[in-house]
N, C-alpha and C. Protein backbone atom coordinates (compact mmCIF):
# COMPACT_ATOMS: atom_id res chain seq x y z
N MET A 1 -6.16 -1.68 19.13
CA MET A 1 -6.05 -0.57 18.58
C MET A 1 -5.39 0.40 19.92
N ARG A 2 -5.91 0.45 20.85
CA ARG A 2 -5.84 1.35 21.72
C ARG A 2 -4.62 1.79 22.28
N ASP A 3 -3.22 1.03 22.53
CA ASP A 3 -1.37 0.07 22.65
C ASP A 3 -1.27 0.58 21.13
N LYS A 4 -1.62 0.82 19.82
CA LYS A 4 -1.26 0.94 18.52
C LYS A 4 -0.84 2.52 18.57
N VAL A 5 -1.89 2.58 18.77
CA VAL A 5 -2.35 4.63 18.50
C VAL A 5 -1.68 5.32 19.84
N VAL A 6 -1.80 4.77 20.65
CA VAL A 6 -0.84 5.46 22.30
C VAL A 6 0.49 5.40 22.05
N ALA A 7 1.03 3.59 21.18
CA ALA A 7 2.56 4.18 20.37
C ALA A 7 2.42 4.82 19.72
N ALA A 8 1.58 5.19 18.78
CA ALA A 8 2.37 6.02 17.74
C ALA A 8 2.29 7.12 17.70
N LYS A 9 1.56 7.67 18.71
CA LYS A 9 1.49 8.93 19.14
C LYS A 9 2.83 9.24 19.97
N LEU A 10 3.42 7.98 21.05
CA LEU A 10 4.24 8.19 21.34
C LEU A 10 5.73 8.70 20.31
N GLN A 11 6.20 7.75 18.93
CA GLN A 11 6.95 8.35 17.94
C GLN A 11 6.19 9.52 17.04
N HIS A 12 5.14 10.07 17.48
CA HIS A 12 5.00 12.24 17.18
C HIS A 12 4.23 11.62 15.19
N CYS A 13 3.16 10.41 15.13
CA CYS A 13 2.92 9.99 13.80
C CYS A 13 1.18 11.26 14.35
N THR A 14 1.29 11.32 13.21
CA THR A 14 -0.01 12.58 13.33
C THR A 14 -0.97 12.21 12.05
N ASP A 15 -1.09 10.64 11.42
CA ASP A 15 -2.05 10.36 10.58
C ASP A 15 -2.13 9.34 10.76
N PHE A 16 -3.00 8.15 10.32
CA PHE A 16 -3.80 7.79 10.67
C PHE A 16 -4.37 7.28 9.22
N ILE A 17 -4.23 5.96 8.43
CA ILE A 17 -5.01 5.63 7.63
C ILE A 17 -5.56 3.99 8.14
N LEU A 18 -6.17 3.62 8.49
CA LEU A 18 -7.10 3.11 9.03
C LEU A 18 -8.70 2.55 7.60
N PRO A 19 -8.48 1.00 8.07
CA PRO A 19 -10.14 0.18 7.26
C PRO A 19 -11.15 0.79 7.93
N LEU A 20 -11.51 1.53 7.12
CA LEU A 20 -13.05 1.33 7.68
C LEU A 20 -13.84 0.69 8.66
N ASP A 21 -14.18 -0.79 8.02
CA ASP A 21 -14.08 -1.83 9.07
C ASP A 21 -14.10 -1.24 10.78
N ASN A 22 -12.45 -0.69 10.98
CA ASN A 22 -12.04 -0.35 12.42
C ASN A 22 -13.13 0.95 12.77
N LYS A 23 -13.94 2.27 12.09
CA LYS A 23 -14.58 3.12 12.78
C LYS A 23 -14.86 2.87 14.46
N ALA A 24 -15.77 2.35 13.99
CA ALA A 24 -16.48 2.19 15.25
C ALA A 24 -15.01 1.46 16.15
N ASN A 25 -14.48 1.15 16.31
CA ASN A 25 -13.02 1.37 17.43
C ASN A 25 -12.63 2.08 17.52
N TRP A 26 -12.60 2.66 16.31
CA TRP A 26 -11.39 3.87 17.10
C TRP A 26 -11.99 5.32 17.68
N GLU A 27 -13.30 5.36 17.35
CA GLU A 27 -14.42 6.17 18.44
C GLU A 27 -14.70 5.45 19.33
N GLU A 28 -14.66 4.06 19.88
CA GLU A 28 -14.53 3.94 21.33
C GLU A 28 -13.89 4.42 21.78
N LEU A 29 -12.31 5.09 21.44
CA LEU A 29 -10.91 5.96 22.13
C LEU A 29 -11.29 7.17 22.77
N PRO A 30 -11.28 6.38 24.18
CA PRO A 30 -11.09 8.27 24.74
C PRO A 30 -11.06 9.58 23.63
N SER A 31 -11.19 9.99 24.26
CA SER A 31 -11.14 11.96 23.47
C SER A 31 -9.11 12.58 23.57
N TYR A 32 -9.07 11.98 24.61
CA TYR A 32 -7.50 12.10 24.58
C TYR A 32 -6.50 11.16 23.92
N ILE A 33 -6.87 10.36 23.91
CA ILE A 33 -5.87 9.76 23.10
C ILE A 33 -6.54 9.76 21.96
N ARG A 34 -7.49 9.99 20.95
CA ARG A 34 -7.67 10.50 19.91
C ARG A 34 -7.31 12.05 19.07
N GLU A 35 -7.09 12.82 20.39
CA GLU A 35 -6.67 14.11 19.83
C GLU A 35 -5.80 14.40 19.43
N GLY A 36 -5.40 15.15 18.01
CA GLY A 36 -4.39 15.53 17.87
C GLY A 36 -3.61 14.77 16.70
N ILE A 37 -4.50 13.98 16.53
CA ILE A 37 -5.35 12.57 15.03
C ILE A 37 -6.11 12.61 13.85
N ASN A 38 -5.45 13.07 12.86
CA ASN A 38 -6.38 13.37 11.96
C ASN A 38 -6.03 11.21 11.48
N VAL A 39 -7.40 10.77 11.57
CA VAL A 39 -7.04 10.00 10.28
C VAL A 39 -8.30 9.14 9.67
N HIS A 40 -8.09 9.05 8.78
CA HIS A 40 -8.23 8.40 6.97
C HIS A 40 -8.85 6.71 7.26
N PHE A 41 -10.04 6.97 6.86
CA PHE A 41 -10.65 5.35 6.89
C PHE A 41 -10.93 5.78 5.57
N VAL A 42 -10.63 4.12 4.94
CA VAL A 42 -10.57 3.65 3.58
C VAL A 42 -11.05 2.52 3.14
N THR A 43 -11.86 2.25 2.26
CA THR A 43 -12.23 1.03 2.60
C THR A 43 -11.21 0.41 0.96
N HIS A 44 -10.29 0.59 0.33
CA HIS A 44 -9.51 0.64 -0.83
C HIS A 44 -8.16 1.16 -1.40
N TYR A 45 -7.66 0.30 -1.39
CA TYR A 45 -5.47 -0.28 -1.64
C TYR A 45 -5.67 1.91 -2.45
N GLU A 46 -6.92 2.04 -3.66
CA GLU A 46 -6.34 2.78 -4.03
C GLU A 46 -6.98 4.91 -3.11
N HIS A 47 -7.28 3.78 -2.46
CA HIS A 47 -7.74 4.99 -1.42
C HIS A 47 -6.66 5.67 -0.66
N VAL A 48 -5.57 4.65 0.29
CA VAL A 48 -4.53 4.97 0.99
C VAL A 48 -3.60 6.09 0.05
N PHE A 49 -3.54 5.11 -2.07
CA PHE A 49 -3.00 6.35 -1.96
C PHE A 49 -3.02 7.33 -2.22
N GLU A 50 -4.42 8.41 -2.62
CA GLU A 50 -4.99 8.79 -2.96
C GLU A 50 -5.00 9.92 -0.92
N VAL A 51 -4.88 9.42 -0.51
CA VAL A 51 -4.32 9.75 1.56
C VAL A 51 -2.56 10.05 1.05
N VAL A 52 -1.86 9.43 0.39
CA VAL A 52 -0.17 9.70 0.30
C VAL A 52 -0.10 10.20 -0.82
N PHE A 53 -0.67 9.35 -1.54
CA PHE A 53 0.41 11.12 -3.16
C PHE A 53 -0.92 12.16 -3.72
N GLY A 54 -2.58 11.99 -2.95
CA GLY A 54 -3.11 13.00 -3.22
C GLY A 54 -3.92 12.81 -4.74
N LYS A 55 -4.77 13.42 -5.17
CA LYS A 55 -5.41 13.17 -6.37
C LYS A 55 -4.15 13.00 -7.37
N LEU A 56 -4.62 11.63 -8.26
CA LEU A 56 -4.12 11.43 -9.45
C LEU A 56 -4.88 12.04 -10.96
N THR A 57 -3.18 12.80 -11.35
CA THR A 57 -3.64 13.45 -13.32
C THR A 57 -4.43 11.99 -13.78
N PRO A 58 -4.65 12.28 -14.41
CA PRO A 58 -4.94 11.68 -15.47
C PRO A 58 -4.75 10.79 -16.13
N GLN A 59 -3.61 11.27 -17.14
CA GLN A 59 -1.94 11.00 -17.21
C GLN A 59 -1.51 9.95 -17.02
N VAL A 60 -1.51 10.52 -15.36
CA VAL A 60 -0.48 9.37 -14.26
C VAL A 60 -1.27 7.53 -13.98
N GLU A 61 -2.88 8.27 -14.21
CA GLU A 61 -3.70 6.93 -13.79
C GLU A 61 -3.75 6.10 -15.06
N THR A 62 -3.77 6.61 -16.20
CA THR A 62 -3.07 5.88 -17.68
C THR A 62 -2.09 5.21 -17.18
N GLU A 63 -1.13 5.63 -17.13
CA GLU A 63 -0.33 5.24 -16.27
C GLU A 63 0.05 3.98 -15.74
N LEU A 64 -0.06 4.06 -14.48
CA LEU A 64 -0.31 3.03 -13.25
C LEU A 64 -1.65 1.97 -14.00
N ALA A 65 -2.37 1.96 -14.88
CA ALA A 65 -3.28 0.95 -15.24
C ALA A 65 -2.50 -0.04 -16.49
N THR A 66 -1.09 0.91 -17.20
CA THR A 66 -0.59 0.29 -18.14
C THR A 66 0.18 -0.66 -17.10
N PRO A 67 -0.09 -2.50 -17.29
CA PRO A 67 1.10 -3.24 -16.78
C PRO A 67 2.06 -3.00 -17.58
N HIS A 68 3.09 -3.24 -17.10
CA HIS A 68 4.46 -2.91 -17.16
C HIS A 68 5.12 -4.44 -17.15
N VAL A 69 4.92 -5.52 -17.64
CA VAL A 69 4.83 -6.40 -17.45
C VAL A 69 6.44 -6.66 -19.11
N GLU A 70 8.07 -7.55 -18.14
CA GLU A 70 8.81 -7.88 -18.99
C GLU A 70 8.53 -8.84 -19.67
N ALA A 71 9.21 -9.07 -21.13
CA ALA A 71 8.92 -10.02 -21.80
C ALA A 71 9.97 -11.31 -21.05
N PRO A 72 9.31 -12.46 -21.87
CA PRO A 72 10.47 -13.31 -20.96
C PRO A 72 11.96 -14.17 -20.78
N SER A 73 12.35 -12.83 -22.01
CA SER A 73 13.28 -13.52 -22.94
C SER A 73 14.25 -12.42 -21.51
N THR A 74 13.38 -11.74 -21.24
CA THR A 74 14.34 -10.08 -20.68
C THR A 74 14.28 -10.86 -19.61
N ILE A 75 13.24 -11.68 -17.96
CA ILE A 75 13.66 -12.76 -17.47
C ILE A 75 14.74 -13.20 -17.35
N MET A 76 14.58 -14.47 -18.01
CA MET A 76 15.67 -15.69 -17.93
C MET A 76 15.73 -15.65 -19.51
N PRO A 77 16.77 -15.74 -19.66
CA PRO A 77 17.46 -15.37 -21.35
C PRO A 77 17.43 -17.27 -21.80
N THR A 78 16.87 -17.44 -22.96
CA THR A 78 16.76 -18.52 -24.00
C THR A 78 18.34 -18.78 -24.07
N LEU A 79 17.91 -20.30 -23.52
CA LEU A 79 19.81 -20.85 -23.76
C LEU A 79 18.92 -22.48 -25.04
N GLU A 80 20.40 -22.33 -25.26
CA GLU A 80 20.40 -23.35 -26.09
C GLU A 80 20.16 -24.79 -25.75
N PRO A 81 19.70 -26.30 -26.51
CA PRO A 81 18.80 -26.66 -25.24
C PRO A 81 20.57 -27.72 -25.14
N ALA A 82 21.40 -28.04 -25.19
CA ALA A 82 23.04 -28.28 -25.54
C ALA A 82 22.74 -28.16 -23.40
N ARG A 83 22.77 -26.68 -23.58
CA ARG A 83 24.07 -25.67 -22.68
C ARG A 83 22.52 -25.52 -21.31
N ARG A 84 21.29 -25.65 -21.90
CA ARG A 84 20.37 -25.30 -21.16
C ARG A 84 20.88 -27.03 -19.62
N PRO A 85 20.09 -26.26 -18.11
CA PRO A 85 21.22 -27.12 -17.54
C PRO A 85 19.74 -28.35 -17.12
N ASN A 86 20.00 -29.75 -17.09
CA ASN A 86 19.00 -30.95 -17.39
C ASN A 86 18.33 -31.31 -19.20
N ALA A 87 19.11 -30.56 -19.33
CA ALA A 87 17.97 -31.06 -20.55
C ALA A 87 18.92 -31.97 -21.64
N VAL A 88 17.44 -32.20 -21.71
CA VAL A 88 17.15 -33.56 -22.24
C VAL A 88 16.98 -33.64 -24.30
N ILE A 89 18.34 -34.21 -24.51
CA ILE A 89 18.56 -33.51 -26.18
C ILE A 89 18.18 -34.86 -26.79
């Protein structure tokens, strides 16, 4: 983790999102490496989303929870049997 944090600091990254499981590794880093970095420990993707985009409104949560799946006919139009590749008539 040390090399990744140093490389990110060299690129002026100031905010890190890390898995909670890596908290012990983070705390082992010297303070001069951790200095100037805001770290967010998360356990699930939803937490990453909140860190990046902020707290969601109930309307947005509902829209995100609604599946947006296209009907099969719009993904691959149905062809007549004679026109289908390798069709047996």
